[in-house]
C-alpha atoms as a PDB file:
ATOM      1  CA  MET A   1     -62.272  66.314  43.987  1.00  0.00           C
ATOM      2  CA  ILE A   2     -59.294  68.161  42.456  1.00  0.00           C
ATOM      3  CA  HIS A   3     -57.191  64.984  42.601  1.00  0.00           C
ATOM      4  CA  CYS A   4     -59.851  63.090  40.638  1.00  0.00           C
ATOM      5  CA  ALA A   5     -59.927  65.802  37.943  1.00  0.00           C
ATOM      6  CA  ARG A   6     -56.134  65.639  37.716  1.00  0.00           C
ATOM      7  CA  ILE A   7     -56.226  61.886  37.066  1.00  0.00           C
ATOM      8  CA  GLY A   8     -58.787  62.433  34.334  1.00  0.00           C
ATOM      9  CA  ALA A   9     -56.649  65.089  32.640  1.00  0.00           C
ATOM     10  CA  ASP A  10     -53.567  62.822  32.769  1.00  0.00           C
ATOM     11  CA  THR A  11     -55.539  59.966  31.258  1.00  0.00           C
ATOM     12  CA  VAL A  12     -56.789  62.156  28.417  1.00  0.00           C
ATOM     13  CA  GLN A  13     -53.292  63.495  27.824  1.00  0.00           C
ATOM     14  CA  ARG A  14     -51.833  59.971  27.684  1.00  0.00           C
ATOM     15  CA  PHE A  15     -54.594  58.887  25.302  1.00  0.00           C
ATOM     16  CA  LEU A  16     -53.946  61.812  22.950  1.00  0.00           C
ATOM     17  CA  LYS A  17     -50.210  61.140  23.103  1.00  0.00           C
ATOM     18  CA  SER A  18     -50.721  57.514  21.998  1.00  0.00           C
ATOM     19  CA  MET A  19     -52.702  58.422  18.878  1.00  0.00           C
ATOM     20  CA  PRO A  20     -50.892  58.423  15.528  1.00  0.00           C
ATOM     21  CA  LEU A  21     -49.918  61.800  14.165  1.00  0.00           C
ATOM     22  CA  ALA A  22     -51.785  62.791  10.985  1.00  0.00           C
ATOM     23  CA  GLU A  23     -49.730  64.622   8.366  1.00  0.00           C
ATOM     24  CA  GLN A  24     -50.643  66.212   5.049  1.00  0.00           C
ATOM     25  CA  HIS A  25     -48.148  66.259   2.167  1.00  0.00           C
ATOM     26  CA  ARG A  26     -48.549  68.262  -1.032  1.00  0.00           C
ATOM     27  CA  VAL A  27     -48.642  66.185  -4.203  1.00  0.00           C
ATOM     28  CA  VAL A  28     -49.033  66.836  -7.920  1.00  0.00           C
ATOM     29  CA  PHE A  29     -51.432  64.927 -10.176  1.00  0.00           C
ATOM     30  CA  LYS A  30     -50.096  64.529 -13.738  1.00  0.00           C
ATOM     31  CA  SER A  31     -52.139  63.252 -16.665  1.00  0.00           C
ATOM     32  CA  VAL A  32     -50.892  61.731 -19.916  1.00  0.00           C
ATOM     33  CA  ASP A  33     -51.200  65.072 -21.747  1.00  0.00           C
ATOM     34  CA  ASP A  34     -48.795  66.699 -19.223  1.00  0.00           C
ATOM     35  CA  SER A  35     -51.481  68.782 -17.517  1.00  0.00           C
ATOM     36  CA  THR A  36     -51.071  69.021 -13.730  1.00  0.00           C
ATOM     37  CA  ALA A  37     -53.177  69.700 -10.645  1.00  0.00           C
ATOM     38  CA  SER A  38     -52.265  69.936  -6.968  1.00  0.00           C
ATOM     39  CA  GLY A  39     -53.497  67.671  -4.206  1.00  0.00           C
ATOM     40  CA  GLU A  40     -52.799  66.357  -0.715  1.00  0.00           C
ATOM     41  CA  LEU A  41     -51.626  63.014   0.604  1.00  0.00           C
ATOM     42  CA  SER A  42     -52.861  62.060   4.093  1.00  0.00           C
ATOM     43  CA  VAL A  43     -50.356  60.012   6.116  1.00  0.00           C
ATOM     44  CA  GLN A  44     -50.460  58.573   9.649  1.00  0.00           C
ATOM     45  CA  VAL A  45     -47.099  58.639  11.421  1.00  0.00           C
ATOM     46  CA  TYR A  46     -46.469  56.329  14.373  1.00  0.00           C
ATOM     47  CA  SER A  47     -44.158  56.922  17.341  1.00  0.00           C
ATOM     48  CA  ASP A  48     -41.728  54.251  18.534  1.00  0.00           C
ATOM     49  CA  HIS A  49     -44.114  53.202  21.308  1.00  0.00           C
ATOM     50  CA  GLU A  50     -47.073  52.931  18.917  1.00  0.00           C
ATOM     51  CA  ARG A  51     -45.016  50.883  16.465  1.00  0.00           C
ATOM     52  CA  LEU A  52     -43.942  48.524  19.258  1.00  0.00           C
ATOM     53  CA  MET A  53     -47.533  48.073  20.467  1.00  0.00           C
ATOM     54  CA  ARG A  54     -48.791  47.445  16.915  1.00  0.00           C
ATOM     55  CA  SER A  55     -46.099  44.825  16.310  1.00  0.00           C
ATOM     56  CA  LEU A  56     -46.760  43.068  19.623  1.00  0.00           C
ATOM     57  CA  LYS A  57     -50.491  42.951  18.876  1.00  0.00           C
ATOM     58  CA  ILE A  58     -50.044  41.258  15.499  1.00  0.00           C
ATOM     59  CA  TRP A  59     -47.418  38.877  16.907  1.00  0.00           C
ATOM     60  CA  GLY A  60     -49.709  37.939  19.801  1.00  0.00           C
ATOM     61  CA  LEU A  61     -52.683  37.503  17.464  1.00  0.00           C
ATOM     62  CA  CYS A  62     -50.725  35.076  15.277  1.00  0.00           C
ATOM     63  CA  TRP A  63     -49.627  33.035  18.270  1.00  0.00           C
ATOM     64  CA  LEU A  64     -53.189  33.036  19.643  1.00  0.00           C
ATOM     65  CA  LEU A  65     -54.404  31.696  16.301  1.00  0.00           C
ATOM     66  CA  ALA A  66     -51.676  29.026  16.477  1.00  0.00           C
ATOM     67  CA  LEU A  67     -52.954  28.015  19.897  1.00  0.00           C
ATOM     68  CA  LEU A  68     -56.573  27.961  18.741  1.00  0.00           C
ATOM     69  CA  SER A  69     -55.730  25.856  15.681  1.00  0.00           C
ATOM     70  CA  VAL A  70     -54.162  23.022  17.739  1.00  0.00           C
ATOM     71  CA  PRO A  71     -57.452  21.076  18.131  1.00  0.00           C
ATOM     72  CA  ILE A  72     -58.261  21.201  14.381  1.00  0.00           C
ATOM     73  CA  LEU A  73     -57.517  17.658  13.237  1.00  0.00           C
ATOM     74  CA  GLY A  74     -55.290  17.364  10.188  1.00  0.00           C
ATOM     75  CA  ALA A  75     -55.018  21.106   9.572  1.00  0.00           C
ATOM     76  CA  HIS A  76     -53.025  21.705  12.761  1.00  0.00           C
ATOM     77  CA  TRP A  77     -49.966  20.171  11.072  1.00  0.00           C
ATOM     78  CA  PHE A  78     -49.549  23.263   8.883  1.00  0.00           C
ATOM     79  CA  LEU A  79     -51.653  25.922  10.697  1.00  0.00           C
ATOM     80  CA  VAL A  80     -49.735  25.847  13.996  1.00  0.00           C
ATOM     81  CA  PRO A  81     -46.232  26.095  12.471  1.00  0.00           C
ATOM     82  CA  GLY A  82     -47.498  28.651   9.952  1.00  0.00           C
ATOM     83  CA  PHE A  83     -48.900  30.971  12.619  1.00  0.00           C
ATOM     84  CA  LEU A  84     -45.850  30.471  14.873  1.00  0.00           C
ATOM     85  CA  ILE A  85     -43.547  31.508  12.029  1.00  0.00           C
ATOM     86  CA  ALA A  86     -45.835  34.295  10.759  1.00  0.00           C
ATOM     87  CA  GLY A  87     -46.006  35.987  14.192  1.00  0.00           C
ATOM     88  CA  PRO A  88     -42.423  37.255  14.398  1.00  0.00           C
ATOM     89  CA  ILE A  89     -42.280  38.011  10.658  1.00  0.00           C
ATOM     90  CA  MET A  90     -45.457  40.098  10.701  1.00  0.00           C
ATOM     91  CA  GLY A  91     -44.412  41.755  13.964  1.00  0.00           C
ATOM     92  CA  TYR A  92     -41.046  42.705  12.450  1.00  0.00           C
ATOM     93  CA  ARG A  93     -42.690  44.144   9.334  1.00  0.00           C
ATOM     94  CA  ARG A  94     -45.257  46.075  11.375  1.00  0.00           C
ATOM     95  CA  TYR A  95     -42.552  47.500  13.676  1.00  0.00           C
ATOM     96  CA  HIS A  96     -40.549  48.841  10.736  1.00  0.00           C
ATOM     97  CA  GLN A  97     -43.608  50.556   9.250  1.00  0.00           C
ATOM     98  CA  HIS A  98     -43.084  54.158  10.415  1.00  0.00           C
ATOM     99  CA  SER A  99     -46.073  55.590   8.561  1.00  0.00           C
ATOM    100  CA  ILE A 100     -49.029  54.519   6.464  1.00  0.00           C
ATOM    101  CA  SER A 101     -50.676  56.290   3.558  1.00  0.00           C
ATOM    102  CA  VAL A 102     -54.395  56.854   4.080  1.00  0.00           C
ATOM    103  CA  LYS A 103     -55.758  58.734   1.072  1.00  0.00           C
ATOM    104  CA  VAL A 104     -54.914  61.223  -1.630  1.00  0.00           C
ATOM    105  CA  THR A 105     -57.266  64.064  -2.549  1.00  0.00           C
ATOM    106  CA  GLY A 106     -57.214  66.696  -5.257  1.00  0.00           C
ATOM    107  CA  ALA A 107     -58.593  67.607  -8.675  1.00  0.00           C
ATOM    108  CA  CYS A 108     -58.220  65.618 -11.852  1.00  0.00           C
ATOM    109  CA  PRO A 109     -56.055  67.596 -14.295  1.00  0.00           C
ATOM    110  CA  ARG A 110     -58.219  66.524 -17.239  1.00  0.00           C
ATOM    111  CA  CYS A 111     -61.881  66.681 -16.093  1.00  0.00           C
ATOM    112  CA  HIS A 112     -61.243  69.027 -13.104  1.00  0.00           C
ATOM    113  CA  SER A 113     -63.511  67.015 -10.781  1.00  0.00           C
ATOM    114  CA  GLU A 114     -62.579  66.608  -7.117  1.00  0.00           C
ATOM    115  CA  ILE A 115     -61.293  63.109  -6.389  1.00  0.00           C
ATOM    116  CA  SER A 116     -60.443  61.258  -3.205  1.00  0.00           C
ATOM    117  CA  LEU A 117     -58.634  57.946  -3.539  1.00  0.00           C
ATOM    118  CA  ALA A 118     -58.221  55.519  -0.641  1.00  0.00           C
ATOM    119  CA  LEU A 119     -54.733  54.011  -0.461  1.00  0.00           C
ATOM    120  CA  GLU A 120     -53.340  50.754   0.804  1.00  0.00           C
ATOM    121  CA  PRO A 121     -51.158  51.252   3.908  1.00  0.00           C
ATOM    122  CA  ARG A 122     -47.904  50.282   2.148  1.00  0.00           C
ATOM    123  CA  GLU A 123     -48.439  52.428  -0.966  1.00  0.00           C
ATOM    124  CA  GLN A 124     -45.773  55.129  -1.352  1.00  0.00           C
ATOM    125  CA  LEU A 125     -45.174  57.934  -3.820  1.00  0.00           C
ATOM    126  CA  PRO A 126     -44.952  57.975  -6.809  1.00  0.00           C
ATOM    127  CA  LEU A 127     -48.359  56.401  -7.463  1.00  0.00           C
ATOM    128  CA  HIS A 128     -50.157  55.400 -10.627  1.00  0.00           C
ATOM    129  CA  LYS A 129     -53.959  55.636 -10.301  1.00  0.00           C
ATOM    130  CA  TYR A 130     -56.989  56.360 -12.471  1.00  0.00           C
ATOM    131  CA  CYS A 131     -59.525  59.178 -12.121  1.00  0.00           C
ATOM    132  CA  PRO A 132     -62.817  57.639 -10.920  1.00  0.00           C
ATOM    133  CA  GLN A 133     -64.877  60.004 -13.128  1.00  0.00           C
ATOM    134  CA  CYS A 134     -63.087  60.084 -16.506  1.00  0.00           C
ATOM    135  CA  SER A 135     -60.691  57.094 -16.120  1.00  0.00           C
ATOM    136  CA  THR A 136     -57.664  59.203 -17.039  1.00  0.00           C
ATOM    137  CA  PRO A 137     -54.372  57.599 -15.936  1.00  0.00           C
ATOM    138  CA  LEU A 138     -52.838  59.762 -13.211  1.00  0.00           C
ATOM    139  CA  HIS A 139     -49.243  59.873 -12.067  1.00  0.00           C
ATOM    140  CA  ILE A 140     -49.102  61.198  -8.480  1.00  0.00           C
ATOM    141  CA  VAL A 141     -45.742  62.571  -7.314  1.00  0.00           C
ATOM    142  CA  ASP A 142     -44.445  64.572  -4.356  1.00  0.00           C
ATOM    143  CA  ALA A 143     -44.723  68.328  -4.993  1.00  0.00           C
ATOM    144  CA  ALA A 144     -41.290  68.971  -3.421  1.00  0.00           C
ATOM    145  CA  THR A 145     -39.482  66.693  -5.888  1.00  0.00           C
ATOM    146  CA  GLU A 146     -41.648  67.689  -8.859  1.00  0.00           C
ATOM    147  CA  SER A 147     -40.033  71.038  -9.826  1.00  0.00           C
END
């Protein structure tokens, strides 16, 4: 019975170890009239093992799609080579992606409403966005380099 509980604890520990690490970074929202407000940038950071697994998954998916596109008459002449070439390229790009931006939250410096903006994974600071409430252009920069 104790041995079985030990296996369960190891499994949970391995699972938690394989999850990406979530980090929060302080940012500053700047509007066109030079008013500022603070906010946070949420980032997921991947370990070497997680990056390797993510790259192998996308590479394998591309090659699986190449295999599945073989019986498609006519289209297989460009689909198969395209997926075979895209696999290593996308795997390489995914492996070298150490972290991804998830969202940025804070208050608009002009209308003072709380905003939360979803980000594309490859978006990096500094960012240029618009407030969803008042449509004010916002310049989002790292608080450490702001001074």
